[in-house]
């Protein structure tokens, strides 16, 4: 049965819209990839969408040599910071959702505000705190700073999934002699794996891609994350966009790998978060 003209229009328009959005999103990625393979002379012409005449793969080697210490530093900082944010956020969400106490609503509202408040507003006092604690230019200082900034978001995301667990589960477990932390560890967390992994992905990408705190709290290349180093690859006298774009491709591999390997948890977590059951 052939579709009528108005039905065909309703059928095709969403796909056209999606294709247009995909092209708009992929265009900067295409420009980044092509620029990363160009020579200095080709970059100077400023034809950013033109393909390179002779791909210059040496740009990636030069960029990697400059970024390798920063990449190691970012992973050393991001992995434990993500784990701590998700762990503490899940404990806070567990207490807020599963236990009734007087100021739960106020506390939850404060977490929502902290999650959406730009962390730039606390940059100066946070820097002063790190200086007083002698944590500037240290892994521990950055991990602590990211813990302060990102734990509210992890709490909020995980709490939306804990809300789907009936309180009767906790009551039944308590009757059977299950302690609160045992219920959290053996029942609640396994039931909420998609939501916890979704929160972990969001926190990981947020910390890994963060620039301002990494720049303000560190100046020593031996501990500085990769993003401030990437910003310096352009050069000071001659704009070496091809080196910086090659570095951007290298840096983007880490979050891309995280999304590829954990995508099924992330998608199922999003679907669970929007489901009504």
Protein backbone atom coordinates (compact mmCIF):
# COMPACT_ATOMS: atom_id res chain seq x y z
CA UNK A 1 0.00 0.00 0.00
CA UNK A 2 1.50 3.31 -1.07
CA UNK A 3 1.68 6.16 1.38
CA UNK A 4 -0.28 9.29 0.71
CA UNK A 5 1.56 12.56 0.08
CA UNK A 6 0.99 13.93 3.60
CA UNK A 7 1.96 10.59 5.18
CA UNK A 8 5.16 10.47 3.11
CA UNK A 9 5.92 14.02 4.20
CA UNK A 10 5.44 13.15 7.88
CA UNK A 11 7.62 10.08 7.36
CA UNK A 12 10.49 11.83 5.54
CA UNK A 13 10.74 15.14 7.44
CA UNK A 14 12.08 13.64 10.71
CA UNK A 15 14.83 11.83 8.80
CA UNK A 16 15.79 15.00 6.94
CA UNK A 17 15.96 16.84 10.25
CA UNK A 18 18.18 14.14 11.78
CA UNK A 19 20.48 14.15 8.74
CA UNK A 20 20.85 17.94 8.90
CA UNK A 21 21.70 17.74 12.62
CA UNK A 22 24.20 14.94 11.97
CA UNK A 23 25.94 16.96 9.24
CA UNK A 24 26.07 20.05 11.48
CA UNK A 25 27.61 17.97 14.27
CA UNK A 26 30.07 16.10 12.06
CA UNK A 27 31.32 19.15 10.15
CA UNK A 28 33.65 20.36 12.95
CA UNK A 29 34.89 16.79 13.40
CA UNK A 30 35.64 16.60 9.66
CA UNK A 31 37.48 19.94 9.81
CA UNK A 32 39.50 18.71 12.79
CA UNK A 33 40.50 15.48 11.04
CA UNK A 34 41.45 17.13 7.75
CA UNK A 35 43.39 19.93 9.45
CA UNK A 36 45.32 17.41 11.55
CA UNK A 37 46.72 15.88 8.34
CA UNK A 38 47.73 19.12 6.61
CA UNK A 39 51.10 20.79 6.33
CA UNK A 40 51.87 24.25 7.71
CA UNK A 41 51.55 25.72 4.21
CA UNK A 42 48.11 24.19 3.66
CA UNK A 43 46.89 25.47 7.01
CA UNK A 44 48.09 28.99 6.15
CA UNK A 45 45.78 29.00 3.11
CA UNK A 46 42.83 28.68 5.54
CA UNK A 47 40.79 26.29 3.39
CA UNK A 48 39.67 24.33 6.43
CA UNK A 49 37.26 21.98 4.62
CA UNK A 50 39.64 21.09 1.80
CA UNK A 51 41.28 17.67 1.89
CA UNK A 52 45.05 17.60 2.47
CA UNK A 53 47.06 17.21 -0.74
CA UNK A 54 49.67 15.06 1.00
CA UNK A 55 48.57 13.76 4.43
CA UNK A 56 51.14 14.68 7.07
CA UNK A 57 50.94 11.89 9.65
CA UNK A 58 54.01 13.26 11.45
CA UNK A 59 51.67 15.80 13.08
CA UNK A 60 50.31 13.01 15.28
CA UNK A 61 53.75 11.94 16.42
CA UNK A 62 54.69 15.49 17.35
CA UNK A 63 51.39 16.03 19.16
CA UNK A 64 51.65 12.75 21.06
CA UNK A 65 55.16 13.53 22.28
CA UNK A 66 53.86 16.80 23.73
CA UNK A 67 50.72 15.25 25.23
CA UNK A 68 51.82 11.87 26.57
CA UNK A 69 52.65 13.09 30.09
CA UNK A 70 49.40 15.05 30.24
CA UNK A 71 47.44 12.00 29.13
CA UNK A 72 48.98 9.92 31.91
CA UNK A 73 48.25 12.68 34.42
CA UNK A 74 44.64 12.95 33.28
CA UNK A 75 44.05 9.23 33.70
CA UNK A 76 45.77 9.18 37.11
CA UNK A 77 43.45 12.00 38.22
CA UNK A 78 40.23 11.13 36.39
CA UNK A 79 39.89 7.43 37.27
CA UNK A 80 40.09 7.73 41.09
CA UNK A 81 38.13 11.01 41.07
CA UNK A 82 35.34 9.36 39.08
CA UNK A 83 35.25 6.34 41.40
CA UNK A 84 35.10 8.52 44.51
CA UNK A 85 32.42 10.82 43.04
CA UNK A 86 30.21 7.88 42.08
CA UNK A 87 30.78 6.03 45.36
CA UNK A 88 30.07 9.02 47.59
CA UNK A 89 27.25 10.16 45.32
CA UNK A 90 25.59 6.75 45.47
CA UNK A 91 25.84 6.69 49.27
CA UNK A 92 24.32 10.17 49.48
CA UNK A 93 21.56 9.22 47.05
CA UNK A 94 20.86 6.05 49.04
CA UNK A 95 20.46 8.00 52.26
CA UNK A 96 18.32 10.73 50.65
CA UNK A 97 15.96 8.38 48.80
CA UNK A 98 15.65 5.35 51.07
CA UNK A 99 15.60 6.98 54.49
CA UNK A 100 13.12 9.58 55.61
CA UNK A 101 14.54 12.44 57.63
CA UNK A 102 13.41 15.95 58.34
CA UNK A 103 15.56 17.95 55.95
CA UNK A 104 15.67 15.51 53.02
CA UNK A 105 13.81 17.87 50.66
CA UNK A 106 16.05 20.81 51.53
CA UNK A 107 19.16 18.69 51.11
CA UNK A 108 17.98 17.36 47.76
CA UNK A 109 17.20 20.90 46.57
CA UNK A 110 20.69 21.99 47.63
CA UNK A 111 22.21 19.14 45.61
CA UNK A 112 20.20 20.18 42.54
CA UNK A 113 21.40 23.78 42.89
CA UNK A 114 25.02 22.64 43.37
CA UNK A 115 24.78 20.39 40.30
CA UNK A 116 23.74 23.22 37.99
CA UNK A 117 25.72 26.03 39.60
CA UNK A 118 28.75 26.96 37.43
CA UNK A 119 31.84 25.92 39.33
CA UNK A 120 33.62 29.06 38.12
CA UNK A 121 31.84 31.00 40.89
CA UNK A 122 33.82 29.06 43.51
CA UNK A 123 37.12 29.05 41.62
CA UNK A 124 38.80 31.71 43.80
CA UNK A 125 37.82 30.27 47.22
CA UNK A 126 38.59 26.76 45.95
CA UNK A 127 42.05 27.86 44.84
CA UNK A 128 42.62 29.54 48.21
CA UNK A 129 41.52 26.35 49.98
CA UNK A 130 43.93 24.24 47.93
CA UNK A 131 46.72 26.72 48.69
CA UNK A 132 45.97 26.61 52.43
CA UNK A 133 45.99 22.81 52.35
CA UNK A 134 49.22 22.84 50.30
CA UNK A 135 47.56 20.82 47.56
CA UNK A 136 48.42 23.02 44.59
CA UNK A 137 50.35 21.20 41.87
CA UNK A 138 49.44 17.79 43.25
CA UNK A 139 47.31 14.90 42.06
CA UNK A 140 45.54 14.87 45.40
CA UNK A 141 44.56 18.52 45.09
CA UNK A 142 42.94 18.06 41.68
CA UNK A 143 41.17 14.88 42.76
CA UNK A 144 39.83 16.68 45.83
CA UNK A 145 38.70 19.66 43.74
CA UNK A 146 36.92 17.47 41.19
CA UNK A 147 35.34 15.54 44.05
CA UNK A 148 33.87 18.76 45.44
CA UNK A 149 32.64 19.93 42.05
CA UNK A 150 31.23 16.69 40.59
CA UNK A 151 29.82 14.71 43.52
CA UNK A 152 26.52 16.68 43.53
CA UNK A 153 25.93 15.80 39.87
CA UNK A 154 26.70 12.12 40.52
CA UNK A 155 24.32 12.16 43.49
CA UNK A 156 21.52 13.71 41.45
CA UNK A 157 21.88 11.27 38.54
CA UNK A 158 22.08 8.18 40.73
CA UNK A 159 19.20 9.35 42.94
CA UNK A 160 16.85 9.37 39.93
CA UNK A 161 17.52 5.63 39.53
CA UNK A 162 17.32 4.81 43.24
CA UNK A 163 13.86 6.41 43.23
CA UNK A 164 12.65 3.49 41.10
CA UNK A 165 13.43 1.00 43.90
CA UNK A 166 10.39 0.52 46.18
CA UNK A 167 10.90 1.24 49.86
CA UNK A 168 9.27 -2.12 50.52
CA UNK A 169 12.50 -3.80 49.34
CA UNK A 170 14.44 -2.08 52.12
CA UNK A 171 11.76 -2.89 54.70
CA UNK A 172 11.63 -6.56 53.68
CA UNK A 173 15.43 -6.78 53.78
CA UNK A 174 15.49 -5.17 57.23
CA UNK A 175 12.93 -7.71 58.50
CA UNK A 176 15.19 -10.50 57.23
CA UNK A 177 18.11 -9.03 59.17
CA UNK A 178 19.85 -7.30 56.26
CA UNK A 179 21.87 -4.31 57.44
CA UNK A 180 21.49 -0.98 55.55
CA UNK A 181 24.96 -1.07 53.97
CA UNK A 182 24.52 -4.73 53.02
CA UNK A 183 21.25 -3.82 51.28
CA UNK A 184 23.07 -1.02 49.45
CA UNK A 185 25.96 -3.26 48.41
CA UNK A 186 24.16 -6.48 47.50
CA UNK A 187 20.72 -5.33 46.35
CA UNK A 188 20.48 -1.65 45.49
CA UNK A 189 23.73 -1.24 43.55
CA UNK A 190 23.29 -4.36 41.36
CA UNK A 191 19.72 -3.27 40.56
CA UNK A 192 20.93 0.21 39.55
CA UNK A 193 24.04 -0.67 37.52
CA UNK A 194 22.86 1.17 34.34
CA UNK A 195 22.23 4.35 36.31
CA UNK A 196 25.53 4.14 38.21
CA UNK A 197 27.48 3.51 35.00
CA UNK A 198 25.67 6.41 33.30
CA UNK A 199 26.69 8.68 36.17
CA UNK A 200 30.26 7.37 35.99
CA UNK A 201 30.47 8.11 32.25
CA UNK A 202 29.14 11.65 32.72
CA UNK A 203 31.53 12.35 35.60
CA UNK A 204 34.51 10.79 33.80
CA UNK A 205 33.99 12.89 30.66
CA UNK A 206 33.36 16.02 32.72
CA UNK A 207 36.61 15.62 34.66
CA UNK A 208 38.68 14.47 31.70
CA UNK A 209 37.59 17.42 29.54
CA UNK A 210 37.86 20.03 32.31
CA UNK A 211 40.23 22.91 31.58
CA UNK A 212 39.86 25.82 34.01
CA UNK A 213 40.49 24.01 37.32
CA UNK A 214 43.37 22.09 35.77
CA UNK A 215 44.90 25.38 34.66
CA UNK A 216 44.27 27.24 37.94
CA UNK A 217 45.41 24.52 40.34
CA UNK A 218 48.47 23.24 38.48
CA UNK A 219 51.44 24.73 36.69
CA UNK A 220 53.90 21.85 36.90
CA UNK A 221 53.83 19.75 33.68
CA UNK A 222 54.59 16.62 35.71
CA UNK A 223 51.11 16.73 37.30
CA UNK A 224 49.10 18.97 34.93
CA UNK A 225 46.26 17.24 33.02
CA UNK A 226 46.17 17.06 29.26
CA UNK A 227 43.73 19.86 28.43
CA UNK A 228 45.98 22.81 29.39
CA UNK A 229 48.80 21.16 27.46
CA UNK A 230 46.56 20.75 24.43
CA UNK A 231 45.79 24.48 24.52
CA UNK A 232 49.50 25.28 24.17
CA UNK A 233 50.03 23.16 21.05
CA UNK A 234 48.87 25.95 18.74
CA UNK A 235 52.18 27.72 19.27
CA UNK A 236 52.95 31.28 20.28
CA UNK A 237 54.51 32.88 17.20
CA UNK A 238 53.19 30.76 14.31
CA UNK A 239 49.74 29.19 14.60
CA UNK A 240 50.29 25.44 14.26
CA UNK A 241 46.65 24.42 13.97
CA UNK A 242 47.59 21.11 12.39
CA UNK A 243 49.51 20.07 15.53
CA UNK A 244 46.73 21.17 17.85
CA UNK A 245 44.06 19.40 15.79
CA UNK A 246 46.16 16.21 15.77
CA UNK A 247 46.41 16.55 19.54
CA UNK A 248 42.65 17.05 19.77
CA UNK A 249 42.10 13.80 17.88
CA UNK A 250 44.47 11.94 20.21
CA UNK A 251 42.86 13.40 23.33
CA UNK A 252 39.34 12.53 22.13
CA UNK A 253 40.22 8.83 21.84
CA UNK A 254 39.93 8.21 25.60
CA UNK A 255 36.31 9.36 26.11
CA UNK A 256 35.40 7.75 22.78
CA UNK A 257 36.70 4.39 24.01
CA UNK A 258 34.76 4.82 27.27
CA UNK A 259 31.54 5.45 25.37
CA UNK A 260 32.12 2.55 22.96
CA UNK A 261 32.72 -0.04 25.68
CA UNK A 262 30.03 1.24 28.08
CA UNK A 263 27.46 2.44 25.55
CA UNK A 264 25.01 -0.39 26.27
CA UNK A 265 24.93 0.54 29.95
CA UNK A 266 24.60 4.23 29.11
CA UNK A 267 21.70 3.72 26.69
CA UNK A 268 19.89 1.32 29.02
CA UNK A 269 20.45 3.76 31.85
CA UNK A 270 18.90 6.60 29.89
CA UNK A 271 15.96 4.43 28.90
CA UNK A 272 15.47 3.32 32.50
CA UNK A 273 15.60 6.90 33.68
CA UNK A 274 12.82 7.90 31.32
CA UNK A 275 10.65 4.85 31.81
CA UNK A 276 7.48 5.13 33.86
CA UNK A 277 7.65 1.80 35.57
